[in-house]
Amino acid sequence: MPPAVRFGVNYTPSEGWFHHWLDFDLDSVRADLDAIAALGLDHIRVFPLWPYFQPNRTLIRPRAVEQLVALADAAAERGLDVNVDGLQGHLSSFDYLPAWTRTWHRRNLFTDPDVTAGQAAYLRTLAAALADRPNFLGMTVGNEVNQFAAAPHPDPDRVTAEEAERWLIRMLAACAEGAPGRPHLHASYDAAWYQDDQPFTPGHSARLGDVTAVHSWVFNGTAQRHGRTSVPTEHHAAYLVELSKAWADDPHRPVWLQEVGAPAPLVPAGHAAAFAEATITSVLDCPDLWGITWWCSYDVARTLTDFPELEYSLGLLTGERRPKDIARTLADAARRTRRTPPVRGTALVVPAEPARRSRCAPGGEVFDAFFRLVADGARPTTVLDTRADDKEHLAARGITDVVTPDQVLPTPQGGARS
């Protein structure tokens, strides 16, 4: 029997958002965690802001690290495990980068030897500080760091796919040096799966680190194109989980739905609980799911300005720590006994070439074919075109039927599908 699916939340403090690190109040953190634990969740994902913790390349503030450990200990007292993201990096449309990497000290985040040495030291330090805590789940290198590497970022730190891979390997090694034996991973936003020129690739996500992380946000064109109650919108998270498996070498590599949320107005407040229920139900039907970590714990306070409008209402709880209907939906799901989902025997062929991954994005033929199969009652997974005839690979995954998008989608009027 595989381990139970984990249910947790990305911890956004109720007071001060992530700027709470500047005025760290352990009593406020404890009250936040009390409300989270009361929902029956079992873990949180925590976000140190990198410039606050490492304001100089050779200064990793001991007091900040102590506060992070105190937060982890407070979580343990409430039965909550903790995963820590290191390089923030990027959160809710804002970039947080140390002054020693910008303007007069501008150096590439992924290739400059001094910068990468500083990053590795920072990740190693955080991991080592938490290594002996029983509730420490391991490190995530940083939140959606791939957004720094390409458009649409207004000032990207450009790298090749080979340079991105070397950087990830080094950062994951630093985490392992600090906390040996813990599961460490990295996390990209969905451009890694969908954007042809994104240097962080699906292969990086599915093969580097101990777990594959996927972040599911239906504001990527899915909800705009299909509507809030559509099959693609309600099954988008499950699609990303199954899409990731095409690139994995381990047929049972765990996949973590590390971020998923109900973004208004595409998912209106009155529909958020129903969206959560549909999303959770569909993703729990994915084999080898490690866990679901909702975004996020608390609404952003209206006293904090310049956030995108949707960021103010993503919380499971209000700023006064009152649970919303969506919180009760997640709590109910966490309490339910779940069956182990059966193997998905039908695999949709996807292109292995990263320069063709836009076919997997909303509007692409792989995307459309996957959801046609779902709408018809199938439970598809995916397989790379380079493995579609590999009997050993297919057998290891329990795949008995392989189909291409052309076989699933109707032929457009006037000729063959391009």
Protein backbone atom coordinates (compact mmCIF):
# COMPACT_ATOMS: atom_id res chain seq x y z
CA MET A 1 0.00 0.00 0.00
CA PRO A 2 1.60 3.33 -1.01
CA PRO A 3 1.80 6.10 1.57
CA ALA A 4 -1.24 8.32 1.95
CA VAL A 5 -1.44 11.46 -0.15
CA ARG A 6 -0.31 14.48 1.84
CA PHE A 7 -2.51 17.58 2.21
CA GLY A 8 -1.00 20.94 3.06
CA VAL A 9 -0.90 24.64 2.33
CA ASN A 10 1.62 27.21 1.18
CA TYR A 11 2.14 29.38 4.26
CA THR A 12 1.44 33.05 3.61
CA PRO A 13 1.44 34.75 7.03
CA SER A 14 -1.74 36.58 8.02
CA GLU A 15 0.21 39.60 9.28
CA GLY A 16 2.65 41.35 6.98
CA TRP A 17 2.63 38.66 4.26
CA PHE A 18 6.23 37.50 3.65
CA HIS A 19 7.51 40.79 5.02
CA HIS A 20 6.78 39.26 8.44
CA TRP A 21 10.41 38.14 8.42
CA LEU A 22 11.36 41.79 9.04
CA ASP A 23 9.24 41.94 12.22
CA PHE A 24 9.13 38.27 13.12
CA ASP A 25 6.46 37.57 15.73
CA LEU A 26 6.43 33.94 16.84
CA ASP A 27 3.12 34.34 18.67
CA SER A 28 1.46 35.51 15.46
CA VAL A 29 3.03 32.59 13.57
CA ARG A 30 1.75 30.17 16.21
CA ALA A 31 -1.77 31.55 15.89
CA ASP A 32 -1.55 31.17 12.11
CA LEU A 33 -0.38 27.58 12.44
CA ASP A 34 -3.11 26.77 14.97
CA ALA A 35 -5.74 27.72 12.39
CA ILE A 36 -3.98 25.70 9.67
CA ALA A 37 -3.64 22.62 11.88
CA ALA A 38 -7.32 22.88 12.84
CA LEU A 39 -8.16 22.14 9.20
CA GLY A 40 -6.51 18.73 9.52
CA LEU A 41 -3.67 19.53 7.12
CA ASP A 42 -0.31 17.85 7.64
CA HIS A 43 2.32 20.16 6.15
CA ILE A 44 3.21 23.69 5.13
CA ARG A 45 5.57 25.12 2.55
CA VAL A 46 7.61 28.03 3.92
CA PHE A 47 9.23 30.93 2.05
CA PRO A 48 12.22 32.82 3.45
CA LEU A 49 12.79 35.97 1.40
CA TRP A 50 16.30 35.63 0.05
CA PRO A 51 17.46 39.29 0.39
CA TYR A 52 16.31 39.35 4.03
CA PHE A 53 18.29 36.21 4.84
CA GLN A 54 21.40 36.86 2.71
CA PRO A 55 21.77 40.64 2.25
CA ASN A 56 25.44 40.24 1.34
CA ARG A 57 26.98 37.36 -0.55
CA THR A 58 29.04 36.36 2.50
CA LEU A 59 26.45 37.28 5.16
CA ILE A 60 23.72 34.75 5.89
CA ARG A 61 22.01 36.31 8.90
CA PRO A 62 22.12 33.92 11.89
CA ARG A 63 19.08 35.55 13.49
CA ALA A 64 17.00 35.02 10.34
CA VAL A 65 18.01 31.35 10.23
CA GLU A 66 17.09 30.99 13.92
CA GLN A 67 13.65 32.43 13.17
CA LEU A 68 13.14 29.95 10.36
CA VAL A 69 13.99 27.09 12.72
CA ALA A 70 11.63 28.55 15.35
CA LEU A 71 8.85 28.55 12.76
CA ALA A 72 9.58 24.91 11.91
CA ASP A 73 9.54 23.99 15.60
CA ALA A 74 6.22 25.78 16.09
CA ALA A 75 4.85 23.80 13.16
CA ALA A 76 6.08 20.54 14.69
CA GLU A 77 4.26 21.33 17.93
CA ARG A 78 1.05 21.42 15.87
CA GLY A 79 1.71 18.24 13.91
CA LEU A 80 2.76 20.05 10.74
CA ASP A 81 5.73 19.05 8.60
CA VAL A 82 7.69 21.75 6.78
CA ASN A 83 9.19 22.09 3.32
CA VAL A 84 11.36 25.18 2.84
CA ASP A 85 11.88 27.05 -0.42
CA GLY A 86 15.27 28.74 -0.47
CA LEU A 87 15.68 31.24 -3.28
CA GLN A 88 12.76 33.69 -3.24
CA GLY A 89 13.22 34.89 -5.68
CA HIS A 90 9.74 35.42 -7.08
CA LEU A 91 6.42 35.53 -5.23
CA SER A 92 3.01 36.81 -6.33
CA SER A 93 4.40 38.98 -9.17
CA PHE A 94 7.20 40.51 -7.07
CA ASP A 95 10.90 39.69 -7.46
CA TYR A 96 13.09 39.56 -4.35
CA LEU A 97 16.74 39.53 -5.34
CA PRO A 98 19.72 40.62 -3.23
CA ALA A 99 21.43 43.90 -4.12
CA TRP A 100 24.62 41.98 -4.77
CA THR A 101 23.03 40.49 -7.92
CA ARG A 102 21.43 43.62 -9.44
CA THR A 103 22.16 47.05 -10.99
CA TRP A 104 25.80 48.00 -10.29
CA HIS A 105 26.48 44.42 -9.21
CA ARG A 106 24.48 42.81 -12.01
CA ARG A 107 25.56 39.21 -12.50
CA ASN A 108 23.74 36.26 -14.00
CA LEU A 109 21.79 34.35 -11.37
CA PHE A 110 22.52 30.99 -12.96
CA THR A 111 26.05 31.20 -14.36
CA ASP A 112 28.14 33.74 -12.43
CA PRO A 113 30.55 31.75 -10.24
CA ASP A 114 30.40 34.13 -7.27
CA VAL A 115 26.61 34.32 -7.32
CA THR A 116 26.15 30.57 -7.61
CA ALA A 117 28.67 29.97 -4.82
CA GLY A 118 26.68 32.35 -2.62
CA GLN A 119 23.42 30.62 -3.51
CA ALA A 120 24.85 27.20 -2.73
CA ALA A 121 26.17 28.40 0.63
CA TYR A 122 22.76 29.85 1.48
CA LEU A 123 20.84 26.68 0.59
CA ARG A 124 23.37 24.54 2.43
CA THR A 125 23.04 26.73 5.53
CA LEU A 126 19.23 26.59 5.63
CA ALA A 127 19.18 22.84 5.06
CA ALA A 128 21.80 22.21 7.75
CA ALA A 129 19.90 24.32 10.28
CA LEU A 130 16.81 22.14 9.79
CA ALA A 131 18.49 18.79 9.17
CA ASP A 132 17.86 17.39 12.66
CA ARG A 133 14.21 18.47 12.84
CA PRO A 134 11.95 15.41 12.49
CA ASN A 135 9.26 17.44 10.71
CA PHE A 136 11.61 18.82 8.04
CA LEU A 137 10.49 17.52 4.64
CA GLY A 138 13.49 18.86 2.75
CA MET A 139 14.30 21.87 0.58
CA THR A 140 12.83 23.23 -2.60
CA VAL A 141 15.60 25.15 -4.38
CA GLY A 142 13.34 28.16 -4.87
CA ASN A 143 9.91 29.21 -6.00
CA GLU A 144 9.50 29.21 -9.78
CA VAL A 145 13.06 30.35 -10.38
CA ASN A 146 12.68 29.53 -14.06
CA GLN A 147 10.69 32.75 -14.52
CA PHE A 148 13.99 34.65 -14.22
CA ALA A 149 15.50 32.81 -17.19
CA ALA A 150 13.37 33.86 -20.17
CA ALA A 151 10.53 36.01 -21.47
CA PRO A 152 8.03 37.21 -20.41
CA HIS A 153 10.32 38.39 -17.58
CA PRO A 154 11.18 42.03 -18.41
CA ASP A 155 14.88 41.62 -17.57
CA PRO A 156 15.79 37.93 -17.78
CA ASP A 157 19.01 36.25 -16.73
CA ARG A 158 19.33 34.18 -19.88
CA VAL A 159 20.82 30.70 -19.85
CA THR A 160 20.90 27.65 -22.06
CA ALA A 161 19.16 24.43 -21.09
CA GLU A 162 22.57 22.91 -20.37
CA GLU A 163 23.48 25.79 -18.04
CA ALA A 164 20.12 25.54 -16.29
CA GLU A 165 20.71 21.84 -15.70
CA ARG A 166 24.19 22.42 -14.27
CA TRP A 167 22.78 25.10 -11.96
CA LEU A 168 19.98 22.83 -10.72
CA ILE A 169 22.37 19.95 -10.08
CA ARG A 170 24.66 22.21 -8.06
CA MET A 171 21.83 23.72 -5.99
CA LEU A 172 20.27 20.33 -5.25
CA ALA A 173 23.70 19.05 -4.20
CA ALA A 174 24.06 21.98 -1.80
CA CYS A 175 20.71 21.09 -0.22
CA ALA A 176 21.81 17.47 0.14
CA GLU A 177 25.12 18.51 1.68
CA GLY A 178 23.24 20.47 4.33
CA ALA A 179 20.59 17.84 5.02
CA PRO A 180 21.65 14.41 3.74
CA GLY A 181 18.91 11.86 3.32
CA ARG A 182 16.05 14.34 3.02
CA PRO A 183 14.07 14.65 -0.21
CA HIS A 184 15.10 17.82 -2.05
CA LEU A 185 13.51 19.18 -5.22
CA HIS A 186 13.13 22.21 -7.46
CA ALA A 187 10.00 23.94 -8.73
CA SER A 188 9.19 25.68 -12.01
CA TYR A 189 6.13 27.51 -13.16
CA ASP A 190 4.31 25.95 -16.08
CA ALA A 191 6.45 27.57 -18.79
CA ALA A 192 8.77 24.61 -18.19
CA TRP A 193 6.04 22.39 -19.64
CA TYR A 194 4.48 24.78 -22.14
CA GLN A 195 6.95 27.39 -23.49
CA ASP A 196 9.16 26.35 -26.41
CA ASP A 197 12.12 28.61 -25.54
CA GLN A 198 12.10 28.19 -21.75
CA PRO A 199 15.57 26.87 -20.76
CA PHE A 200 14.20 24.99 -17.75
CA THR A 201 12.75 21.92 -19.43
CA PRO A 202 10.26 19.16 -18.62
CA GLY A 203 13.19 16.78 -18.37
CA HIS A 204 14.76 18.91 -15.66
CA SER A 205 11.53 18.86 -13.65
CA ALA A 206 10.91 15.14 -14.07
CA ARG A 207 14.46 13.84 -13.61
CA LEU A 208 16.36 16.15 -11.24
CA GLY A 209 15.65 16.09 -7.53
CA ASP A 210 13.73 13.49 -5.56
CA VAL A 211 10.19 14.56 -6.48
CA THR A 212 8.59 16.24 -9.50
CA ALA A 213 6.81 19.48 -8.58
CA VAL A 214 3.99 20.90 -10.69
CA HIS A 215 2.25 24.25 -10.20
CA SER A 216 -1.26 24.42 -11.65
CA TRP A 217 -2.76 27.82 -12.38
CA VAL A 218 -5.77 27.96 -14.70
CA PHE A 219 -5.19 31.67 -15.44
CA ASN A 220 -2.63 30.43 -18.00
CA GLY A 221 -5.30 30.50 -20.70
CA THR A 222 -7.17 27.39 -19.60
CA ALA A 223 -10.03 29.10 -17.77
CA GLN A 224 -10.11 32.00 -20.23
CA ARG A 225 -10.46 29.62 -23.16
CA HIS A 226 -12.71 26.95 -21.65
CA GLY A 227 -14.56 28.47 -18.67
CA ARG A 228 -14.50 27.76 -14.96
CA THR A 229 -16.59 24.55 -14.99
CA SER A 230 -15.02 22.95 -18.06
CA VAL A 231 -13.21 19.64 -18.16
CA PRO A 232 -9.84 21.32 -18.92
CA THR A 233 -10.19 23.77 -16.02
CA GLU A 234 -11.29 21.20 -13.46
CA HIS A 235 -8.71 18.63 -14.61
CA HIS A 236 -5.77 20.96 -15.36
CA ALA A 237 -3.85 19.94 -12.23
CA ALA A 238 -4.31 16.26 -13.05
CA TYR A 239 -3.12 16.96 -16.60
CA LEU A 240 0.14 18.47 -15.36
CA VAL A 241 0.70 15.54 -13.01
CA GLU A 242 0.22 13.06 -15.85
CA LEU A 243 2.12 15.19 -18.39
CA SER A 244 5.17 15.17 -16.13
CA LYS A 245 5.31 11.38 -16.21
CA ALA A 246 6.20 11.32 -19.90
CA TRP A 247 9.70 12.63 -19.08
CA ALA A 248 10.32 10.68 -15.87
CA ASP A 249 12.82 7.83 -15.97
CA ASP A 250 11.38 6.24 -12.81
CA PRO A 251 7.96 4.79 -13.72
CA HIS A 252 6.74 5.50 -10.19
CA ARG A 253 8.46 8.82 -9.51
CA PRO A 254 6.36 10.78 -7.00
CA VAL A 255 4.69 13.95 -8.25
CA TRP A 256 3.81 16.81 -5.91
CA LEU A 257 1.03 19.23 -6.81
CA GLN A 258 2.96 21.90 -4.95
CA GLU A 259 0.77 24.85 -5.93
CA VAL A 260 -2.84 25.06 -7.00
CA GLY A 261 -5.35 27.79 -6.29
CA ALA A 262 -8.68 29.32 -7.27
CA PRO A 263 -7.86 32.65 -8.98
CA ALA A 264 -10.68 35.22 -9.09
CA PRO A 265 -12.42 36.43 -11.17
CA LEU A 266 -11.81 33.46 -13.48
CA VAL A 267 -12.91 31.30 -10.57
CA PRO A 268 -15.33 33.56 -8.64
CA ALA A 269 -15.38 33.38 -4.85
CA GLY A 270 -18.77 31.71 -4.90
CA HIS A 271 -17.41 28.92 -7.09
CA ALA A 272 -14.02 28.45 -5.39
CA ALA A 273 -15.09 25.54 -3.18
CA ALA A 274 -16.64 23.68 -6.12
CA PHE A 275 -13.49 24.27 -8.18
CA ALA A 276 -11.37 22.94 -5.33
CA GLU A 277 -13.54 19.85 -4.95
CA ALA A 278 -13.39 19.09 -8.68
CA THR A 279 -9.62 19.71 -8.85
CA ILE A 280 -8.88 17.56 -5.81
CA THR A 281 -11.12 14.74 -7.01
CA SER A 282 -9.46 14.64 -10.42
CA VAL A 283 -5.89 14.82 -9.16
CA LEU A 284 -6.45 12.11 -6.53
CA ASP A 285 -7.16 9.82 -9.47
CA CYS A 286 -3.49 10.14 -10.50
CA PRO A 287 -1.18 7.31 -9.37
CA ASP A 288 2.07 8.20 -7.58
CA LEU A 289 0.76 11.54 -6.30
CA TRP A 290 2.86 12.66 -3.32
CA GLY A 291 0.61 15.45 -2.12
CA ILE A 292 -1.54 18.50 -2.70
CA THR A 293 -0.41 21.85 -1.28
CA TRP A 294 -2.99 24.59 -1.78
CA TRP A 295 -2.10 28.20 -2.51
CA CYS A 296 -2.41 29.71 -0.03
CA SER A 297 -3.10 29.91 3.71
CA TYR A 298 -4.12 33.56 4.24
CA ASP A 299 -5.48 36.33 2.05
CA VAL A 300 -3.11 39.21 1.32
CA ALA A 301 -4.16 42.24 3.36
CA ARG A 302 -5.64 45.14 1.42
CA THR A 303 -3.28 47.43 3.33
CA LEU A 304 -0.51 46.01 1.11
CA THR A 305 -0.66 47.62 -2.30
CA ASP A 306 0.25 46.86 -5.93
CA PHE A 307 -0.49 43.14 -5.92
CA PRO A 308 -2.41 41.71 -8.87
CA GLU A 309 -6.06 41.72 -7.82
CA LEU A 310 -6.33 37.94 -7.74
CA GLU A 311 -3.63 37.68 -5.05
CA TYR A 312 -5.83 39.31 -2.41
CA SER A 313 -8.37 36.48 -2.25
CA LEU A 314 -6.45 33.22 -2.75
CA GLY A 315 -6.33 32.28 0.95
CA LEU A 316 -8.08 29.36 2.56
CA LEU A 317 -8.54 31.70 5.51
CA THR A 318 -9.16 35.41 5.89
CA GLY A 319 -6.64 37.75 7.46
CA GLU A 320 -8.64 37.32 10.69
CA ARG A 321 -7.92 33.56 10.51
CA ARG A 322 -11.50 32.61 9.65
CA PRO A 323 -11.81 29.61 7.31
CA LYS A 324 -13.66 30.07 4.03
CA ASP A 325 -15.80 27.46 2.31
CA ILE A 326 -12.79 26.43 0.23
CA ALA A 327 -10.88 25.66 3.45
CA ARG A 328 -13.64 23.31 4.55
CA THR A 329 -13.49 21.59 1.16
CA LEU A 330 -9.76 20.94 1.56
CA ALA A 331 -10.26 19.84 5.18
CA ASP A 332 -12.97 17.37 4.17
CA ALA A 333 -10.74 15.95 1.45
CA ALA A 334 -7.85 15.53 3.90
CA ARG A 335 -10.08 13.54 6.26
CA ARG A 336 -11.54 11.17 3.69
CA THR A 337 -10.25 7.65 3.24
CA ARG A 338 -8.96 7.26 -0.29
CA ARG A 339 -8.46 4.26 -2.52
CA THR A 340 -5.25 3.79 -4.44
CA PRO A 341 -6.00 4.87 -8.02
CA PRO A 342 -5.57 2.18 -10.66
CA VAL A 343 -2.91 2.41 -13.33
CA ARG A 344 -3.71 4.65 -16.30
CA GLY A 345 -3.40 2.31 -19.25
CA THR A 346 -3.97 4.75 -22.12
CA ALA A 347 -1.04 7.02 -23.02
CA LEU A 348 -1.20 10.06 -25.27
CA VAL A 349 1.97 10.68 -27.28
CA VAL A 350 3.75 13.98 -26.58
CA PRO A 351 6.80 15.44 -28.36
CA ALA A 352 10.09 14.86 -26.55
CA GLU A 353 11.74 17.87 -28.23
CA PRO A 354 11.56 20.88 -25.84
CA ALA A 355 11.16 23.25 -28.81
CA ARG A 356 7.77 21.64 -29.50
CA ARG A 357 6.36 21.72 -25.98
CA SER A 358 3.85 24.47 -26.83
CA ARG A 359 1.79 21.63 -28.30
CA CYS A 360 1.17 20.65 -24.68
CA ALA A 361 0.00 24.16 -23.71
CA PRO A 362 -3.59 25.44 -23.71
CA GLY A 363 -4.69 25.49 -27.35
CA GLY A 364 -2.09 22.92 -28.37
CA GLU A 365 -3.00 19.59 -29.92
CA VAL A 366 -1.71 17.49 -26.99
CA PHE A 367 -3.67 19.60 -24.51
CA ASP A 368 -6.87 19.38 -26.56
CA ALA A 369 -6.50 15.65 -27.20
CA PHE A 370 -5.89 14.87 -23.53
CA PHE A 371 -9.08 16.60 -22.48
CA ARG A 372 -11.06 15.05 -25.32
CA LEU A 373 -10.06 11.68 -23.89
CA VAL A 374 -11.04 12.77 -20.37
CA ALA A 375 -14.40 14.07 -21.58
CA ASP A 376 -15.00 10.72 -23.27
CA GLY A 377 -14.45 8.90 -19.98
CA ALA A 378 -10.85 7.78 -20.43
CA ARG A 379 -8.10 8.13 -17.80
CA PRO A 380 -5.11 9.09 -19.96
CA THR A 381 -1.48 9.56 -19.08
CA THR A 382 1.30 10.60 -21.48
CA VAL A 383 4.34 9.07 -23.13
CA LEU A 384 7.17 10.64 -25.14
CA ASP A 385 7.18 10.03 -28.87
CA THR A 386 10.69 8.58 -28.44
CA ARG A 387 9.32 5.95 -26.03
CA ALA A 388 5.98 5.21 -27.67
CA ASP A 389 7.30 1.93 -29.14
CA ASP A 390 9.45 0.97 -26.13
CA LYS A 391 7.67 -2.14 -24.86
CA GLU A 392 9.76 -2.33 -21.69
CA HIS A 393 8.99 1.28 -20.77
CA LEU A 394 5.29 0.88 -21.52
CA ALA A 395 5.08 -2.33 -19.50
CA ALA A 396 6.83 -0.76 -16.50
CA ARG A 397 4.15 1.93 -16.46
CA GLY A 398 1.24 -0.41 -17.13
CA ILE A 399 0.45 1.25 -20.47
CA THR A 400 -1.51 -0.97 -22.84
CA ASP A 401 -2.83 1.53 -25.39
CA VAL A 402 -0.88 4.35 -27.09
CA VAL A 403 -2.68 7.04 -29.08
CA THR A 404 -1.57 10.18 -30.91
CA PRO A 405 -3.38 13.53 -30.90
CA ASP A 406 -4.30 13.01 -34.56
CA GLN A 407 -6.09 9.80 -33.64
CA VAL A 408 -8.07 11.55 -30.92
CA LEU A 409 -8.98 14.90 -32.45
CA PRO A 410 -11.32 15.33 -35.40
CA THR A 411 -9.73 16.28 -38.71
CA PRO A 412 -10.30 20.00 -39.40
CA GLN A 413 -12.65 20.80 -42.23
CA GLY A 414 -10.74 21.16 -45.49
CA GLY A 415 -7.78 18.94 -44.83
CA ALA A 416 -5.40 17.15 -42.52
CA ARG A 417 -4.36 18.49 -39.13
CA SER A 418 -1.02 20.24 -39.31
